[in-house]
Amino acid sequence: MKFRHLLPILLISSLRTAASFADRGDEILPLVQSENLKAHIIALQENVQQTPTPASENLPPSDASANNPVAYRTRSSYHRDAADNAARYIVNQFRRSPRLEVEIEEFSGLKNVVARLPAQHGSKSDRIFVLCAHYDSIGDRDYAGWNPLISDAPGANDNATGVAAMLEIAHLLSRYNYDHELRFIALDGGEIGRQGSLHHAKNAVQAGENIVLAINIDMIGFNWITELVEVLANNSDDSSAWIGEMALIANEWYDIGLEVLPIRDGSLSAGDHSPFWNEGYRAVTFTESTTPWRDSPGYETNSFYHTFRDTVEKVNLQLVRKVTQLVLVMLNGLASQSLQSASTPTVTIDPTLAANLNPVKITGRFESTYPVEIVLSPGNVLAKLNRFNGTFQAEVTLQPGENLVRATVVYPLGASSVERTVLYEPDFEWISAAVFPNPARLTDELTQLRGEGNLPMEALNFFIYASDGSLVKKKTGVPDGTDPRIWRAWWNHQNAFGRRVATGIYVCKFEASVKGETYSRIKKLAIVR
């Protein structure tokens, strides 16, 4: 199929240099408002009859009455009046943006709502980016005889949150021109075997459409513990793994504040991503949890999904807003890609010839017009970025002597790095000073005195004093055979005259000679019978 060979092109074309890329992300982020998302969620939850829609849209006219509107409170695909009414609402919302080409994709009695933002005039690209979310709902986890024709299934979180995010993203991105088509799909039949995505993906393959990525949004609002979003990709498709990395980087770059968890598991097929997988397309799902029926790290079981209790007051609107923002800037970035003027981000390390304190502060500069992260080694430390002036800083723990410090700028599909030698000449510090056994018995043959520093020592002497301050014994240490930072001595509990000392408390003074300086440490030793 024609889209299978496009990965190398996709990788190269992600490197856009036009400044409008980053500027636009900052421009559109604050336009995502919780109030607008909430309004969509409530409208879909209540599903009040919409005004009549022209027959040309393949939607039968509603029986809407200004005096007696009906609230279906379900969007079940089996309840066609309710599902068609929800589709009517989605059509009306897409049409807020006159540049979107809206149509109904009808199949097997079901209806997808498709809105296309065509590639800008003069573009020769055939690439398509899909953003989708299923709009139907279900309440079959209410075991007391739930009936799709008469029972409530408000589906506020599942999946009015996903549809609300998609509607707002479509509205905001339709303000701009892109080299590639953006396609927004409200899918029918998601809860009855993913019928909408099956139909669209199959037709896309038959038409030879070059869908380079499908992003599905499904359940993104039930979490009051952490602001977590999971990004599910297929573990058998290495070419989609970069989407999770892109989500991590974009989240940090734009300071959105989510906890992003990339997941790669091809067995998690219960979502509208899987029909795209099956047809050979790259696809990911953004979701609050891939297993909402059970607890997982940072997430408690969602006992409301697929029940009549899945209503808007259970939804964390701040979480929905942040996930919407993340998908918005990612899709904007992907659609802004161009095959011209591709370049790799650059990074430099400021001169730091020598340091004597650990950890060492490393600073530098970088150039990139799209989200990146910078990792410093040794230690794989994530740097703090100031993307507005192109600087970074990180604290790296070094070893005494010359260290090779590497700064790696990581972008979703690659990395580049720079190295600099930093001389770390630390001040001497004691790592440990030990006397053992302690307490020691007079009958013990020897007591060991051991000193370890952060630097090699030229000498280490041990002075043993009685409690009255008189010198009892001086011991000259010997270095460890493999590590000159460790020195030892052994004492047989005899004084300078060869007589055994009395029981009591003794003071052991460690004196290390390092680069012409003397450093001391005191330890106490108890000697008992």
Protein backbone atom coordinates (compact mmCIF):
# COMPACT_ATOMS: atom_id res chain seq x y z
CA MET A 1 0.00 0.00 0.00
CA LYS A 2 1.24 3.47 -0.80
CA PHE A 3 1.40 4.72 2.80
CA ARG A 4 3.73 2.01 4.01
CA HIS A 5 6.86 3.58 2.48
CA LEU A 6 6.29 7.04 3.91
CA LEU A 7 7.96 6.62 7.28
CA PRO A 8 11.39 7.94 6.16
CA ILE A 9 9.70 10.97 4.62
CA LEU A 10 7.67 11.46 7.77
CA LEU A 11 10.80 11.33 9.89
CA ILE A 12 12.64 13.87 7.76
CA SER A 13 9.71 16.21 7.41
CA SER A 14 9.19 16.51 11.14
CA LEU A 15 12.15 18.90 11.20
CA ARG A 16 10.43 22.15 10.35
CA THR A 17 12.38 25.38 10.77
CA ALA A 18 9.63 27.96 10.31
CA ALA A 19 9.22 29.97 13.50
CA SER A 20 5.44 29.93 13.10
CA PHE A 21 5.40 26.34 14.36
CA ALA A 22 6.33 27.14 17.96
CA ASP A 23 4.66 30.55 17.92
CA ARG A 24 1.35 29.05 16.85
CA GLY A 25 1.43 26.50 19.66
CA ASP A 26 1.78 29.27 22.21
CA GLU A 27 -0.96 31.21 20.45
CA ILE A 28 -3.60 28.48 20.42
CA LEU A 29 -2.98 26.84 23.81
CA PRO A 30 -4.90 29.40 25.89
CA LEU A 31 -7.83 29.24 23.46
CA VAL A 32 -8.78 25.83 24.87
CA GLN A 33 -11.31 26.71 27.57
CA SER A 34 -12.89 24.37 30.11
CA GLU A 35 -16.23 26.17 29.72
CA ASN A 36 -16.43 25.32 26.02
CA LEU A 37 -15.51 21.70 26.64
CA LYS A 38 -18.07 21.46 29.43
CA ALA A 39 -20.77 22.89 27.17
CA HIS A 40 -20.09 20.17 24.58
CA ILE A 41 -20.08 17.44 27.23
CA ILE A 42 -23.40 18.58 28.68
CA ALA A 43 -24.96 18.95 25.25
CA LEU A 44 -23.94 15.41 24.31
CA GLN A 45 -24.93 14.03 27.72
CA GLU A 46 -28.44 15.51 27.59
CA ASN A 47 -28.73 15.12 23.81
CA VAL A 48 -31.64 17.53 23.51
CA GLN A 49 -33.38 17.46 20.13
CA GLN A 50 -31.64 19.62 17.58
CA THR A 51 -33.26 21.85 14.98
CA PRO A 52 -34.16 20.15 11.68
CA THR A 53 -31.29 19.29 9.41
CA PRO A 54 -31.51 19.34 5.59
CA ALA A 55 -32.17 15.95 4.09
CA SER A 56 -29.03 16.35 1.96
CA GLU A 57 -27.02 15.51 5.08
CA ASN A 58 -28.50 12.00 5.20
CA LEU A 59 -29.98 12.81 8.59
CA PRO A 60 -33.77 12.60 8.96
CA PRO A 61 -35.34 15.83 10.24
CA SER A 62 -35.89 15.88 13.98
CA ASP A 63 -39.18 16.51 15.76
CA ALA A 64 -37.65 19.40 17.65
CA SER A 65 -40.07 21.73 19.33
CA ALA A 66 -39.08 24.93 21.07
CA ASN A 67 -41.93 24.41 23.50
CA ASN A 68 -41.33 20.78 24.34
CA PRO A 69 -37.74 19.68 23.58
CA VAL A 70 -36.85 16.06 24.26
CA ALA A 71 -33.65 15.14 26.09
CA TYR A 72 -32.68 11.63 25.02
CA ARG A 73 -29.85 11.23 27.60
CA THR A 74 -28.38 8.50 25.44
CA ARG A 75 -26.48 8.25 22.18
CA SER A 76 -26.79 4.50 21.73
CA SER A 77 -26.22 3.38 18.17
CA TYR A 78 -29.28 1.16 18.54
CA HIS A 79 -31.44 4.18 19.43
CA ARG A 80 -31.32 5.81 16.03
CA ASP A 81 -33.37 8.90 16.88
CA ALA A 82 -30.96 9.66 19.72
CA ALA A 83 -27.82 8.80 17.75
CA ASP A 84 -28.96 10.84 14.75
CA ASN A 85 -29.71 13.76 17.05
CA ALA A 86 -26.18 13.59 18.48
CA ALA A 87 -24.80 13.49 14.94
CA ARG A 88 -26.89 16.57 14.18
CA TYR A 89 -25.27 18.41 17.09
CA ILE A 90 -21.79 17.42 15.90
CA VAL A 91 -22.57 18.60 12.36
CA ASN A 92 -23.72 21.96 13.71
CA GLN A 93 -20.56 22.32 15.78
CA PHE A 94 -18.27 21.44 12.89
CA ARG A 95 -20.09 24.06 10.81
CA ARG A 96 -19.01 26.81 13.17
CA SER A 97 -15.87 26.65 11.04
CA PRO A 98 -16.79 27.49 7.44
CA ARG A 99 -13.51 26.07 6.12
CA LEU A 100 -14.40 22.55 7.30
CA GLU A 101 -16.06 20.34 4.68
CA VAL A 102 -18.68 18.37 6.60
CA GLU A 103 -20.37 15.19 5.43
CA ILE A 104 -22.20 12.16 6.78
CA GLU A 105 -20.63 8.78 6.12
CA GLU A 106 -23.55 6.36 6.24
CA PHE A 107 -23.14 2.59 6.47
CA SER A 108 -25.18 -0.31 7.82
CA GLY A 109 -27.69 2.07 9.39
CA LEU A 110 -24.93 3.91 11.27
CA LYS A 111 -23.47 7.37 10.62
CA ASN A 112 -19.98 8.78 11.00
CA VAL A 113 -19.69 12.56 10.87
CA VAL A 114 -16.60 13.59 8.90
CA ALA A 115 -15.15 17.10 8.73
CA ARG A 116 -12.22 17.73 6.40
CA LEU A 117 -9.83 20.65 6.47
CA PRO A 118 -8.30 20.40 3.00
CA ALA A 119 -4.63 20.96 2.35
CA GLN A 120 -3.93 24.57 1.46
CA HIS A 121 -4.13 25.67 -2.14
CA GLY A 122 -1.09 24.68 -4.16
CA SER A 123 -0.01 21.86 -1.85
CA LYS A 124 0.92 18.62 -3.57
CA SER A 125 0.83 16.54 -0.40
CA ASP A 126 -1.52 13.57 -0.22
CA ARG A 127 -0.86 13.00 3.47
CA ILE A 128 -3.82 12.86 5.86
CA PHE A 129 -3.85 13.24 9.64
CA VAL A 130 -6.94 11.84 11.35
CA LEU A 131 -8.35 12.86 14.72
CA CYS A 132 -11.31 10.74 15.80
CA ALA A 133 -13.56 9.95 18.75
CA HIS A 134 -16.64 7.76 19.00
CA TYR A 135 -19.82 9.63 19.90
CA ASP A 136 -22.15 6.75 20.73
CA SER A 137 -22.72 5.65 24.33
CA ILE A 138 -23.73 2.56 26.25
CA GLY A 139 -24.95 1.72 29.76
CA ASP A 140 -24.72 -2.06 29.84
CA ARG A 141 -22.79 -2.16 33.12
CA ASP A 142 -26.08 -1.25 34.82
CA TYR A 143 -27.12 -4.86 35.21
CA ALA A 144 -30.75 -4.20 36.13
CA GLY A 145 -32.13 -4.68 32.64
CA TRP A 146 -30.48 -1.87 30.71
CA ASN A 147 -32.26 -1.36 27.39
CA PRO A 148 -30.62 0.74 24.64
CA LEU A 149 -33.99 2.02 23.44
CA ILE A 150 -35.38 3.24 26.74
CA SER A 151 -32.50 3.44 29.25
CA ASP A 152 -30.15 6.32 29.92
CA ALA A 153 -26.55 6.21 28.75
CA PRO A 154 -25.37 9.82 29.14
CA GLY A 155 -21.74 8.91 28.39
CA ALA A 156 -20.29 12.19 29.68
CA ASN A 157 -16.80 10.78 30.09
CA ASP A 158 -17.22 7.91 27.64
CA ASN A 159 -16.96 9.52 25.24
CA ALA A 160 -18.40 13.03 25.26
CA THR A 161 -15.00 14.14 26.62
CA GLY A 162 -13.25 12.79 23.53
CA VAL A 163 -15.80 14.31 21.15
CA ALA A 164 -15.64 17.66 22.96
CA ALA A 165 -11.84 17.68 22.63
CA MET A 166 -12.07 16.82 18.93
CA LEU A 167 -14.69 19.53 18.25
CA GLU A 168 -12.60 22.23 19.90
CA ILE A 169 -9.40 21.11 18.18
CA ALA A 170 -11.15 21.10 14.80
CA HIS A 171 -12.54 24.57 15.44
CA LEU A 172 -9.17 26.02 16.46
CA LEU A 173 -7.01 24.40 13.79
CA SER A 174 -9.43 25.30 11.02
CA ARG A 175 -8.21 28.89 11.40
CA TYR A 176 -4.91 27.96 9.77
CA ASN A 177 -3.61 26.61 6.49
CA TYR A 178 -1.66 23.37 6.38
CA ASP A 179 0.17 21.50 3.67
CA HIS A 180 -1.74 18.30 4.51
CA GLU A 181 -5.37 17.35 5.01
CA LEU A 182 -6.71 17.25 8.56
CA ARG A 183 -9.66 14.92 8.98
CA PHE A 184 -11.91 14.95 12.04
CA ILE A 185 -14.26 11.97 12.48
CA ALA A 186 -17.03 11.51 15.02
CA LEU A 187 -17.41 7.75 14.92
CA ASP A 188 -20.66 5.86 15.33
CA GLY A 189 -20.79 2.30 16.65
CA GLY A 190 -17.69 2.53 18.83
CA GLU A 191 -19.45 0.68 21.62
CA ILE A 192 -20.79 -2.09 19.38
CA GLY A 193 -17.59 -3.45 17.92
CA ARG A 194 -15.90 -0.26 16.66
CA GLN A 195 -18.10 -0.23 13.57
CA GLY A 196 -17.41 3.38 12.62
CA SER A 197 -13.63 3.08 12.64
CA LEU A 198 -13.78 -0.32 10.92
CA HIS A 199 -15.79 1.20 8.10
CA HIS A 200 -13.65 4.30 7.69
CA ALA A 201 -10.28 2.52 7.86
CA LYS A 202 -11.39 -0.14 5.39
CA ASN A 203 -12.70 2.44 2.92
CA ALA A 204 -9.52 4.49 3.28
CA VAL A 205 -7.38 1.51 2.29
CA GLN A 206 -9.61 0.69 -0.64
CA ALA A 207 -9.35 4.30 -1.81
CA GLY A 208 -5.57 4.26 -1.41
CA GLU A 209 -5.65 7.12 1.07
CA ASN A 210 -2.37 8.10 2.66
CA ILE A 211 -3.35 8.35 6.33
CA VAL A 212 0.01 8.77 8.02
CA LEU A 213 -1.43 8.87 11.55
CA ALA A 214 -4.78 8.42 13.25
CA ILE A 215 -5.16 9.87 16.77
CA ASN A 216 -8.12 8.54 18.72
CA ILE A 217 -9.40 10.18 21.92
CA ASP A 218 -11.48 8.00 24.23
CA MET A 219 -12.33 8.71 27.90
CA ILE A 220 -10.00 11.43 29.14
CA GLY A 221 -11.79 12.96 32.14
CA PHE A 222 -12.20 10.56 35.06
CA ASN A 223 -9.20 11.01 37.30
CA TRP A 224 -9.12 13.14 40.43
CA ILE A 225 -5.85 11.65 41.76
CA THR A 226 -3.37 12.53 39.03
CA GLU A 227 -3.56 14.40 35.75
CA LEU A 228 -2.63 11.29 33.84
CA VAL A 229 -3.04 10.52 30.17
CA GLU A 230 -1.93 7.26 28.62
CA VAL A 231 -0.80 7.18 24.99
CA LEU A 232 -1.37 3.72 23.57
CA ALA A 233 0.63 2.59 20.53
CA ASN A 234 1.09 -0.77 18.86
CA ASN A 235 4.17 -2.62 20.14
CA SER A 236 4.53 -4.39 16.79
CA ASP A 237 4.89 -1.05 14.97
CA ASP A 238 8.12 0.75 15.78
CA SER A 239 7.11 3.62 13.53
CA SER A 240 4.38 4.74 15.95
CA ALA A 241 6.46 4.66 19.13
CA TRP A 242 7.65 8.23 18.52
CA ILE A 243 4.11 9.56 19.16
CA GLY A 244 4.45 8.72 22.86
CA GLU A 245 7.86 10.43 22.93
CA MET A 246 6.40 13.41 21.12
CA ALA A 247 3.64 13.64 23.74
CA LEU A 248 6.21 13.63 26.55
CA ILE A 249 8.30 16.34 24.93
CA ALA A 250 5.35 18.56 23.94
CA ASN A 251 3.90 18.28 27.45
CA GLU A 252 7.16 19.59 28.95
CA TRP A 253 7.89 22.09 26.19
CA TYR A 254 4.53 23.85 26.53
CA ASP A 255 4.37 23.32 30.32
CA ILE A 256 0.94 21.70 30.06
CA GLY A 257 1.36 19.83 33.33
CA LEU A 258 0.11 16.35 32.47
CA GLU A 259 1.59 13.07 33.58
CA VAL A 260 2.12 11.36 30.21
CA LEU A 261 2.48 7.58 30.15
CA PRO A 262 3.36 6.04 26.77
CA ILE A 263 2.19 2.42 26.46
CA ARG A 264 3.03 -0.02 23.69
CA ASP A 265 0.72 -3.02 23.68
CA GLY A 266 -0.78 -4.45 20.53
CA SER A 267 -3.12 -6.68 22.53
CA LEU A 268 -5.13 -3.65 23.75
CA SER A 269 -7.48 -3.60 20.79
CA ALA A 270 -10.75 -2.50 22.44
CA GLY A 271 -10.66 0.99 20.96
CA ASP A 272 -11.07 2.80 17.68
CA HIS A 273 -7.31 2.75 17.09
CA SER A 274 -7.30 -0.97 16.36
CA PRO A 275 -9.15 -0.95 12.99
CA PHE A 276 -6.49 1.47 11.73
CA TRP A 277 -3.80 -0.88 13.06
CA ASN A 278 -5.45 -3.79 11.28
CA GLU A 279 -5.41 -1.92 7.96
CA GLY A 280 -1.72 -1.08 8.29
CA TYR A 281 -2.07 2.53 9.43
CA ARG A 282 -0.28 4.09 12.37
CA ALA A 283 -2.69 4.94 15.18
CA VAL A 284 -2.64 5.84 18.85
CA THR A 285 -5.26 6.40 21.51
CA PHE A 286 -5.17 9.07 24.20
CA THR A 287 -7.07 7.82 27.24
CA GLU A 288 -7.27 8.21 31.01
CA SER A 289 -6.58 4.48 31.40
CA THR A 290 -6.33 1.50 29.09
CA THR A 291 -7.92 -0.55 31.89
CA PRO A 292 -10.56 1.75 33.46
CA TRP A 293 -12.28 -1.18 35.20
CA ARG A 294 -9.42 -1.61 37.67
CA ASP A 295 -6.97 0.38 39.76
CA SER A 296 -3.59 1.19 38.26
CA PRO A 297 -0.73 3.50 39.28
CA GLY A 298 -2.16 7.00 39.60
CA TYR A 299 -5.68 5.87 38.72
CA GLU A 300 -8.65 4.50 40.61
CA THR A 301 -11.31 2.29 39.04
CA ASN A 302 -13.93 4.25 37.08
CA SER A 303 -17.11 2.71 38.43
CA PHE A 304 -19.29 5.08 36.37
CA TYR A 305 -18.31 4.25 32.82
CA HIS A 306 -20.91 2.33 30.79
CA THR A 307 -23.57 3.23 33.39
CA PHE A 308 -26.35 5.82 33.70
CA ARG A 309 -24.15 7.57 36.30
CA ASP A 310 -21.51 8.67 33.76
CA THR A 311 -22.42 12.35 34.01
CA VAL A 312 -20.54 15.62 33.77
CA GLU A 313 -20.09 16.19 37.52
CA LYS A 314 -17.80 13.12 37.58
CA VAL A 315 -15.53 14.67 34.94
CA ASN A 316 -12.29 16.47 35.80
CA LEU A 317 -12.60 19.33 33.33
CA GLN A 318 -9.08 20.55 34.00
CA LEU A 319 -7.75 17.15 32.91
CA VAL A 320 -9.93 17.24 29.78
CA ARG A 321 -8.62 20.72 28.96
CA LYS A 322 -4.99 19.71 29.36
CA VAL A 323 -5.34 16.57 27.21
CA THR A 324 -7.10 18.68 24.59
CA GLN A 325 -4.22 21.16 24.69
CA LEU A 326 -1.65 18.39 24.31
CA VAL A 327 -3.36 16.80 21.30
CA LEU A 328 -3.94 20.26 19.82
CA VAL A 329 -0.27 21.30 19.80
CA MET A 330 0.84 17.85 18.65
CA LEU A 331 -1.57 17.78 15.71
CA ASN A 332 -0.67 21.36 14.83
CA GLY A 333 3.00 20.38 14.85
CA LEU A 334 2.48 17.30 12.72
CA ALA A 335 0.34 19.14 10.19
CA SER A 336 2.86 22.00 10.04
CA GLN A 337 5.56 19.65 8.79
CA SER A 338 7.12 20.46 5.47
CA LEU A 339 9.58 18.67 3.24
CA GLN A 340 11.45 21.93 2.67
CA SER A 341 14.08 23.55 4.89
CA ALA A 342 14.47 20.51 7.13
CA SER A 343 17.09 20.94 9.84
CA THR A 344 18.22 19.21 12.99
CA PRO A 345 18.10 20.99 16.38
CA THR A 346 21.50 22.10 17.65
CA VAL A 347 22.95 22.26 21.16
CA THR A 348 26.13 23.72 22.63
CA ILE A 349 27.67 23.55 26.10
CA ASP A 350 29.01 26.74 27.65
CA PRO A 351 32.73 26.64 28.54
CA THR A 352 33.16 25.15 32.01
CA LEU A 353 36.85 24.42 32.28
CA ALA A 354 36.99 23.50 35.95
CA ALA A 355 34.73 23.03 38.95
CA ASN A 356 35.25 22.12 42.59
CA LEU A 357 31.71 21.56 43.84
CA ASN A 358 29.48 18.58 43.11
CA PRO A 359 27.01 18.42 41.46
CA VAL A 360 28.42 20.68 38.76
CA LYS A 361 26.11 23.18 37.09
CA ILE A 362 26.26 22.78 33.31
CA THR A 363 24.72 25.44 31.09
CA GLY A 364 24.39 25.82 27.36
CA ARG A 365 22.30 26.94 24.44
CA PHE A 366 20.10 25.22 21.88
CA GLU A 367 18.25 26.12 18.71
CA SER A 368 14.98 24.49 17.74
CA THR A 369 11.62 25.73 16.56
CA TYR A 370 9.71 22.67 17.72
CA PRO A 371 9.55 20.84 21.07
CA VAL A 372 12.71 19.08 22.24
CA GLU A 373 14.25 17.88 25.48
CA ILE A 374 17.94 17.94 26.46
CA VAL A 375 19.57 15.14 28.42
CA LEU A 376 22.94 15.55 30.13
CA SER A 377 25.32 12.71 30.91
CA PRO A 378 26.84 11.31 33.03
CA GLY A 379 23.65 10.46 34.86
CA ASN A 380 21.02 11.00 32.13
CA VAL A 381 19.84 14.22 33.78
CA LEU A 382 16.93 16.04 32.14
CA ALA A 383 17.89 19.70 31.69
CA LYS A 384 15.66 22.65 32.51
CA LEU A 385 14.94 24.57 29.32
CA ASN A 386 14.21 28.23 28.75
CA ARG A 387 12.83 27.92 25.25
CA PHE A 388 12.25 31.67 24.93
CA ASN A 389 15.96 32.52 25.05
CA GLY A 390 17.24 29.11 23.96
CA THR A 391 19.21 28.21 27.09
CA PHE A 392 19.38 25.18 29.34
CA GLN A 393 20.92 24.19 32.65
CA ALA A 394 21.39 20.96 34.60
CA GLU A 395 23.30 19.70 37.60
CA VAL A 396 25.56 16.75 36.82
CA THR A 397 27.56 14.67 39.27
CA LEU A 398 31.16 14.26 38.09
CA GLN A 399 34.15 12.22 39.15
CA PRO A 400 37.43 13.86 40.18
CA GLY A 401 39.61 14.62 37.19
CA GLU A 402 38.61 15.06 33.57
CA ASN A 403 35.00 14.20 32.69
CA LEU A 404 33.40 13.95 29.28
CA VAL A 405 30.05 15.77 29.56
CA ARG A 406 27.54 15.13 26.79
CA ALA A 407 24.41 17.18 26.05
CA THR A 408 21.91 15.40 23.80
CA VAL A 409 19.00 17.24 22.25
CA VAL A 410 16.16 14.76 21.76
CA TYR A 411 13.27 15.32 19.38
CA PRO A 412 10.50 12.82 18.67
CA LEU A 413 12.30 11.06 15.86
CA GLY A 414 15.98 11.41 16.61
CA ALA A 415 18.75 13.03 18.61
CA SER A 416 21.97 14.97 18.20
CA SER A 417 24.63 15.68 20.80
CA VAL A 418 27.71 17.67 21.70
CA GLU A 419 30.53 16.84 24.13
CA ARG A 420 32.85 18.91 26.27
CA THR A 421 35.61 17.96 28.71
CA VAL A 422 35.13 19.37 32.21
CA LEU A 423 37.86 19.18 34.83
CA TYR A 424 36.41 18.48 38.24
CA GLU A 425 38.84 19.31 41.02
CA PRO A 426 36.78 18.99 44.17
CA ASP A 427 37.72 20.08 47.65
CA PHE A 428 38.52 17.13 49.87
CA GLU A 429 35.59 15.58 51.68
CA TRP A 430 35.44 12.62 54.00
CA ILE A 431 33.33 9.80 52.69
CA SER A 432 33.70 7.78 55.88
CA ALA A 433 35.85 7.44 58.98
CA ALA A 434 35.35 4.19 60.85
CA VAL A 435 36.78 2.37 63.87
CA PHE A 436 35.73 -1.25 64.38
CA PRO A 437 34.94 -3.29 66.27
CA ASN A 438 33.50 -0.57 68.47
CA PRO A 439 33.22 -1.16 71.37
CA ALA A 440 36.39 -3.22 71.33
CA ARG A 441 37.42 -5.75 73.97
CA LEU A 442 40.88 -5.82 75.44
CA THR A 443 41.02 -9.43 74.42
CA ASP A 444 40.45 -8.54 70.76
CA GLU A 445 43.64 -8.82 68.82
CA LEU A 446 43.26 -5.73 66.65
CA THR A 447 41.01 -2.72 66.06
CA GLN A 448 40.88 -1.44 62.50
CA LEU A 449 40.87 2.26 61.64
CA ARG A 450 39.64 3.02 58.14
CA GLY A 451 39.36 6.36 56.35
CA GLU A 452 37.90 7.07 52.93
CA GLY A 453 37.83 10.38 51.07
CA ASN A 454 36.53 11.62 47.79
CA LEU A 455 40.08 12.21 46.55
CA PRO A 456 43.30 10.18 46.67
CA MET A 457 45.33 10.89 49.83
CA GLU A 458 49.09 11.29 50.04
CA ALA A 459 49.04 10.15 53.66
CA LEU A 460 46.62 9.30 56.45
CA ASN A 461 47.80 9.23 60.07
CA PHE A 462 45.75 8.08 63.04
CA PHE A 463 46.24 9.58 66.55
CA ILE A 464 44.70 7.83 69.55
CA TYR A 465 44.15 9.97 72.64
CA ALA A 466 43.06 9.09 76.16
CA SER A 467 40.11 10.89 77.71
CA ASP A 468 42.47 13.35 79.42
CA GLY A 469 43.89 14.42 76.03
CA SER A 470 47.21 12.64 76.31
CA LEU A 471 48.53 10.92 73.20
CA VAL A 472 48.40 7.15 73.55
CA LYS A 473 49.49 5.98 70.12
CA LYS A 474 50.18 7.24 66.62
CA LYS A 475 49.48 4.87 63.70
CA THR A 476 50.60 5.47 60.14
CA GLY A 477 48.00 4.39 57.62
CA VAL A 478 48.60 2.34 54.51
CA PRO A 479 46.69 2.85 51.25
CA ASP A 480 44.31 0.33 49.83
CA GLY A 481 45.97 -1.62 47.06
CA THR A 482 43.28 -0.76 44.51
CA ASP A 483 41.91 2.60 45.65
CA PRO A 484 44.20 5.42 46.95
CA ARG A 485 41.15 7.15 48.45
CA ILE A 486 40.99 4.43 51.14
CA TRP A 487 43.63 4.07 53.90
CA ARG A 488 43.79 1.75 56.90
CA ALA A 489 45.70 1.06 60.11
CA TRP A 490 45.39 -1.56 62.85
CA TRP A 491 45.86 -1.03 66.61
CA ASN A 492 46.64 -3.78 69.14
CA HIS A 493 45.38 -1.72 72.13
CA GLN A 494 48.91 -0.97 73.33
CA ASN A 495 50.38 2.44 74.05
CA ALA A 496 53.66 3.84 72.74
CA PHE A 497 55.54 1.88 75.41
CA GLY A 498 54.02 -1.48 74.44
CA ARG A 499 51.73 -1.70 77.47
CA ARG A 500 48.05 -2.63 77.15
CA VAL A 501 45.78 0.31 77.75
CA ALA A 502 43.00 0.43 80.33
CA THR A 503 39.31 0.20 79.57
CA GLY A 504 37.56 3.48 78.81
CA ILE A 505 36.74 5.96 76.06
CA TYR A 506 39.44 6.93 73.58
CA VAL A 507 39.47 9.56 70.84
CA CYS A 508 40.74 8.60 67.39
CA LYS A 509 41.84 11.50 65.20
CA PHE A 510 42.16 10.95 61.43
CA GLU A 511 44.56 13.34 59.64
CA ALA A 512 44.63 13.17 55.84
CA SER A 513 47.17 14.95 53.64
CA VAL A 514 45.73 15.98 50.28
CA LYS A 515 47.47 18.40 47.89
CA GLY A 516 49.44 19.99 50.68
CA GLU A 517 46.41 20.48 52.91
CA THR A 518 45.49 18.62 56.09
CA TYR A 519 41.93 17.43 56.80
CA SER A 520 40.86 15.94 60.13
CA ARG A 521 38.05 13.77 61.42
CA ILE A 522 37.30 12.58 64.98
CA LYS A 523 35.81 9.24 66.05
CA LYS A 524 35.34 7.81 69.54
CA LEU A 525 36.33 4.27 70.56
CA ALA A 526 35.11 2.41 73.63
CA ILE A 527 37.36 -0.32 75.05
CA VAL A 528 35.76 -2.78 77.47
CA ARG A 529 36.82 -5.96 79.19
